[in-house]
C-alpha atoms as a PDB file:
ATOM      1  CA  MET A   1      95.093 138.392  47.123  1.00  0.00           C
ATOM      2  CA  SER A   2      93.793 134.850  46.728  1.00  0.00           C
ATOM      3  CA  GLU A   3      90.499 133.689  48.181  1.00  0.00           C
ATOM      4  CA  PRO A   4      91.045 132.672  51.849  1.00  0.00           C
ATOM      5  CA  HIS A   5      90.292 129.089  52.782  1.00  0.00           C
ATOM      6  CA  ALA A   6      87.775 128.099  55.436  1.00  0.00           C
ATOM      7  CA  LEU A   7      89.387 128.084  58.863  1.00  0.00           C
ATOM      8  CA  ARG A   8      89.654 124.828  60.789  1.00  0.00           C
ATOM      9  CA  LEU A   9      91.402 125.663  64.065  1.00  0.00           C
ATOM     10  CA  LEU A  10      91.993 123.664  67.250  1.00  0.00           C
ATOM     11  CA  ALA A  11      93.179 125.064  70.577  1.00  0.00           C
ATOM     12  CA  GLU A  12      94.734 123.052  73.374  1.00  0.00           C
ATOM     13  CA  THR A  13      96.828 125.835  74.971  1.00  0.00           C
ATOM     14  CA  ALA A  14      96.167 129.450  75.947  1.00  0.00           C
ATOM     15  CA  GLU A  15      98.418 130.530  73.056  1.00  0.00           C
ATOM     16  CA  ASP A  16      96.371 128.444  70.597  1.00  0.00           C
ATOM     17  CA  LEU A  17      93.192 130.045  71.943  1.00  0.00           C
ATOM     18  CA  GLN A  18      94.620 133.519  71.253  1.00  0.00           C
ATOM     19  CA  VAL A  19      94.649 132.641  67.541  1.00  0.00           C
ATOM     20  CA  ILE A  20      90.992 131.583  67.681  1.00  0.00           C
ATOM     21  CA  ALA A  21      90.146 134.704  69.724  1.00  0.00           C
ATOM     22  CA  ALA A  22      91.669 136.924  67.037  1.00  0.00           C
ATOM     23  CA  ALA A  23      89.663 135.135  64.349  1.00  0.00           C
ATOM     24  CA  VAL A  24      86.326 135.444  66.198  1.00  0.00           C
ATOM     25  CA  GLN A  25      86.768 139.017  67.418  1.00  0.00           C
ATOM     26  CA  ASP A  26      83.688 141.059  66.452  1.00  0.00           C
ATOM     27  CA  SER A  27      81.628 137.991  65.582  1.00  0.00           C
ATOM     28  CA  VAL A  28      77.892 138.352  66.048  1.00  0.00           C
ATOM     29  CA  VAL A  29      75.857 135.640  67.731  1.00  0.00           C
ATOM     30  CA  LYS A  30      72.131 135.159  68.234  1.00  0.00           C
ATOM     31  CA  ALA A  31      71.374 134.389  71.872  1.00  0.00           C
ATOM     32  CA  GLY A  32      69.366 131.384  70.722  1.00  0.00           C
ATOM     33  CA  SER A  33      72.477 129.798  69.197  1.00  0.00           C
ATOM     34  CA  LEU A  34      74.278 129.519  72.552  1.00  0.00           C
ATOM     35  CA  LYS A  35      74.141 125.828  73.415  1.00  0.00           C
ATOM     36  CA  TYR A  36      75.357 124.060  76.554  1.00  0.00           C
ATOM     37  CA  GLU A  37      75.024 120.277  76.422  1.00  0.00           C
ATOM     38  CA  ALA A  38      75.834 119.198  79.983  1.00  0.00           C
ATOM     39  CA  ARG A  39      75.548 115.471  79.220  1.00  0.00           C
ATOM     40  CA  LYS A  40      78.101 115.793  76.416  1.00  0.00           C
ATOM     41  CA  ASN A  41      80.276 118.288  78.357  1.00  0.00           C
ATOM     42  CA  ARG A  42      80.086 120.620  75.359  1.00  0.00           C
ATOM     43  CA  PHE A  43      79.379 124.310  74.858  1.00  0.00           C
ATOM     44  CA  SER A  44      78.967 125.656  71.336  1.00  0.00           C
ATOM     45  CA  LEU A  45      77.839 128.766  69.533  1.00  0.00           C
ATOM     46  CA  GLU A  46      77.040 129.427  65.918  1.00  0.00           C
ATOM     47  CA  LEU A  47      78.399 132.793  64.903  1.00  0.00           C
ATOM     48  CA  ASN A  48      78.752 135.121  61.961  1.00  0.00           C
ATOM     49  CA  ARG A  49      82.480 135.775  61.946  1.00  0.00           C
ATOM     50  CA  PHE A  50      84.070 138.815  60.327  1.00  0.00           C
ATOM     51  CA  ARG A  51      86.777 137.385  58.100  1.00  0.00           C
ATOM     52  CA  TRP A  52      89.720 139.463  59.293  1.00  0.00           C
ATOM     53  CA  GLU A  53      92.167 137.294  57.341  1.00  0.00           C
ATOM     54  CA  ALA A  54      90.427 138.194  54.050  1.00  0.00           C
ATOM     55  CA  GLY A  55      91.262 141.878  54.327  1.00  0.00           C
ATOM     56  CA  GLN A  56      88.877 144.415  52.861  1.00  0.00           C
ATOM     57  CA  PRO A  57      88.368 144.269  49.088  1.00  0.00           C
ATOM     58  CA  ARG A  58      86.939 147.800  49.125  1.00  0.00           C
ATOM     59  CA  ALA A  59      87.213 150.601  51.648  1.00  0.00           C
ATOM     60  CA  LYS A  60      83.738 150.061  53.119  1.00  0.00           C
ATOM     61  CA  GLU A  61      83.195 146.367  52.525  1.00  0.00           C
ATOM     62  CA  GLY A  62      84.243 143.166  54.264  1.00  0.00           C
ATOM     63  CA  VAL A  63      83.298 139.503  54.363  1.00  0.00           C
ATOM     64  CA  ARG A  64      81.496 137.407  56.985  1.00  0.00           C
ATOM     65  CA  VAL A  65      81.343 133.633  57.263  1.00  0.00           C
ATOM     66  CA  ARG A  66      79.070 131.348  59.298  1.00  0.00           C
ATOM     67  CA  SER A  67      81.218 129.473  61.812  1.00  0.00           C
ATOM     68  CA  LEU A  68      80.946 127.117  64.758  1.00  0.00           C
ATOM     69  CA  LEU A  69      82.970 127.685  67.932  1.00  0.00           C
ATOM     70  CA  ALA A  70      82.861 124.702  70.295  1.00  0.00           C
ATOM     71  CA  PHE A  71      84.426 123.778  73.625  1.00  0.00           C
ATOM     72  CA  ASP A  72      84.611 120.179  74.820  1.00  0.00           C
ATOM     73  CA  GLY A  73      85.345 118.970  78.348  1.00  0.00           C
ATOM     74  CA  VAL A  74      83.042 121.612  79.850  1.00  0.00           C
ATOM     75  CA  LEU A  75      82.126 120.858  83.459  1.00  0.00           C
ATOM     76  CA  GLY A  76      79.905 123.905  83.982  1.00  0.00           C
ATOM     77  CA  ALA A  77      78.815 127.202  82.447  1.00  0.00           C
ATOM     78  CA  LYS A  78      77.872 130.530  84.042  1.00  0.00           C
ATOM     79  CA  THR A  79      76.568 133.711  82.469  1.00  0.00           C
ATOM     80  CA  ARG A  80      76.603 137.360  83.454  1.00  0.00           C
ATOM     81  CA  ALA A  81      74.443 139.868  81.549  1.00  0.00           C
ATOM     82  CA  VAL A  82      73.737 137.258  78.838  1.00  0.00           C
ATOM     83  CA  THR A  83      70.256 135.807  78.537  1.00  0.00           C
ATOM     84  CA  LYS A  84      68.460 133.529  76.109  1.00  0.00           C
ATOM     85  CA  THR A  85      64.986 134.896  76.919  1.00  0.00           C
ATOM     86  CA  ASP A  86      65.005 136.616  73.518  1.00  0.00           C
ATOM     87  CA  PRO A  87      66.580 134.062  71.139  1.00  0.00           C
ATOM     88  CA  GLU A  88      66.830 136.731  68.405  1.00  0.00           C
ATOM     89  CA  LEU A  89      68.962 139.062  70.577  1.00  0.00           C
ATOM     90  CA  ILE A  90      72.264 139.780  68.816  1.00  0.00           C
ATOM     91  CA  LEU A  91      75.430 139.568  70.901  1.00  0.00           C
ATOM     92  CA  SER A  92      78.826 140.831  69.767  1.00  0.00           C
ATOM     93  CA  LEU A  93      81.762 138.637  70.813  1.00  0.00           C
ATOM     94  CA  LEU A  94      84.811 140.683  71.768  1.00  0.00           C
ATOM     95  CA  ASP A  95      87.303 138.213  73.223  1.00  0.00           C
ATOM     96  CA  VAL A  96      87.912 134.615  74.306  1.00  0.00           C
ATOM     97  CA  THR A  97      90.496 133.856  77.007  1.00  0.00           C
ATOM     98  CA  PHE A  98      91.730 130.909  79.053  1.00  0.00           C
ATOM     99  CA  THR A  99      92.847 131.082  82.683  1.00  0.00           C
ATOM    100  CA  PRO A 100      94.560 127.888  83.857  1.00  0.00           C
ATOM    101  CA  ALA A 101      93.509 126.337  87.160  1.00  0.00           C
ATOM    102  CA  ASP A 102      95.960 125.881  90.026  1.00  0.00           C
ATOM    103  CA  GLU A 103      96.039 122.192  89.064  1.00  0.00           C
ATOM    104  CA  PRO A 104      96.490 121.844  85.269  1.00  0.00           C
ATOM    105  CA  PRO A 105      95.203 120.921  82.733  1.00  0.00           C
ATOM    106  CA  GLY A 106      91.819 122.457  83.632  1.00  0.00           C
ATOM    107  CA  GLY A 107      90.814 126.079  83.957  1.00  0.00           C
ATOM    108  CA  THR A 108      88.295 128.674  82.925  1.00  0.00           C
ATOM    109  CA  VAL A 109      87.391 129.850  79.420  1.00  0.00           C
ATOM    110  CA  THR A 110      85.833 133.322  79.345  1.00  0.00           C
ATOM    111  CA  LEU A 111      83.786 134.631  76.427  1.00  0.00           C
ATOM    112  CA  LEU A 112      83.441 138.413  76.676  1.00  0.00           C
ATOM    113  CA  PHE A 113      80.622 140.194  74.852  1.00  0.00           C
ATOM    114  CA  ALA A 114      79.936 143.886  74.206  1.00  0.00           C
ATOM    115  CA  GLY A 115      77.827 145.475  76.929  1.00  0.00           C
ATOM    116  CA  ASP A 116      79.654 143.617  79.742  1.00  0.00           C
ATOM    117  CA  GLY A 117      78.120 140.242  78.888  1.00  0.00           C
ATOM    118  CA  GLU A 118      80.209 137.265  79.885  1.00  0.00           C
ATOM    119  CA  ILE A 119      80.073 133.482  79.762  1.00  0.00           C
ATOM    120  CA  THR A 120      82.541 131.482  81.845  1.00  0.00           C
ATOM    121  CA  LEU A 121      83.147 127.822  81.182  1.00  0.00           C
ATOM    122  CA  ASP A 122      84.773 125.572  83.771  1.00  0.00           C
ATOM    123  CA  VAL A 123      86.784 123.093  81.673  1.00  0.00           C
ATOM    124  CA  GLU A 124      88.640 119.932  82.621  1.00  0.00           C
ATOM    125  CA  VAL A 125      91.085 120.625  79.778  1.00  0.00           C
ATOM    126  CA  LEU A 126      91.231 123.305  77.065  1.00  0.00           C
ATOM    127  CA  ASP A 127      89.717 121.775  73.916  1.00  0.00           C
ATOM    128  CA  ALA A 128      88.371 124.423  71.534  1.00  0.00           C
ATOM    129  CA  THR A 129      87.457 124.139  67.854  1.00  0.00           C
ATOM    130  CA  LEU A 130      86.615 126.810  65.278  1.00  0.00           C
ATOM    131  CA  LEU A 131      85.112 125.562  62.019  1.00  0.00           C
ATOM    132  CA  ASP A 132      84.066 127.803  59.125  1.00  0.00           C
ATOM    133  CA  SER A 133      81.233 126.759  56.830  1.00  0.00           C
ATOM    134  CA  ASP A 134      80.964 127.449  53.107  1.00  0.00           C
ATOM    135  CA  TYR A 135      78.357 130.153  53.757  1.00  0.00           C
ATOM    136  CA  VAL A 136      80.220 133.426  53.029  1.00  0.00           C
ATOM    137  CA  TRP A 137      78.763 136.839  52.167  1.00  0.00           C
ATOM    138  CA  PRO A 138      79.925 140.438  51.724  1.00  0.00           C
ATOM    139  CA  THR A 139      79.000 142.981  54.384  1.00  0.00           C
ATOM    140  CA  ARG A 140      79.125 146.744  54.688  1.00  0.00           C
ATOM    141  CA  ASN A 141      78.678 146.535  58.463  1.00  0.00           C
ATOM    142  CA  LEU A 142      82.330 146.731  59.405  1.00  0.00           C
ATOM    143  CA  PRO A 143      83.455 146.278  62.997  1.00  0.00           C
ATOM    144  CA  SER A 144      84.567 149.552  64.537  1.00  0.00           C
ATOM    145  CA  HIS A 145      86.402 150.073  67.786  1.00  0.00           C
ATOM    146  CA  GLU A 146      86.396 153.843  67.548  1.00  0.00           C
ATOM    147  CA  ARG A 147      84.334 155.696  70.070  1.00  0.00           C
ATOM    148  CA  ARG A 148      81.430 157.484  68.397  1.00  0.00           C
ATOM    149  CA  ARG A 149      80.916 161.140  69.163  1.00  0.00           C
ATOM    150  CA  ARG A 150      77.400 162.377  69.697  1.00  0.00           C
END
């Protein structure tokens, strides 16, 4: 398999956002990298994305890449069970969804984190961007959705 290229994805519809959501599933984010710029109507987060599209070169090894996920046209942001009091706190991003408003093109973007954390963004229009950097590294910490037995 050839080396995957850096992703550069844009989303303007709920279907487009599903592609980005699949790419960022199981990304890890430091709480300190959550950034809402109200004056610029922008919400962004720097994340370490598991490169699902790269496959797994070995049974217990994968690849992560530093990426930026940004939303423009953000009118407001709310959080539930997500805090920036500890900027080093690691959050695991599970899903990103878009719910259209009664009057398009606006709606609500929801970022769902492990542990019931949630960020909701009120957007005037869906405008999401995912950009990978050149910073790529192997990892043995593979995402797992299996329930652990104690």
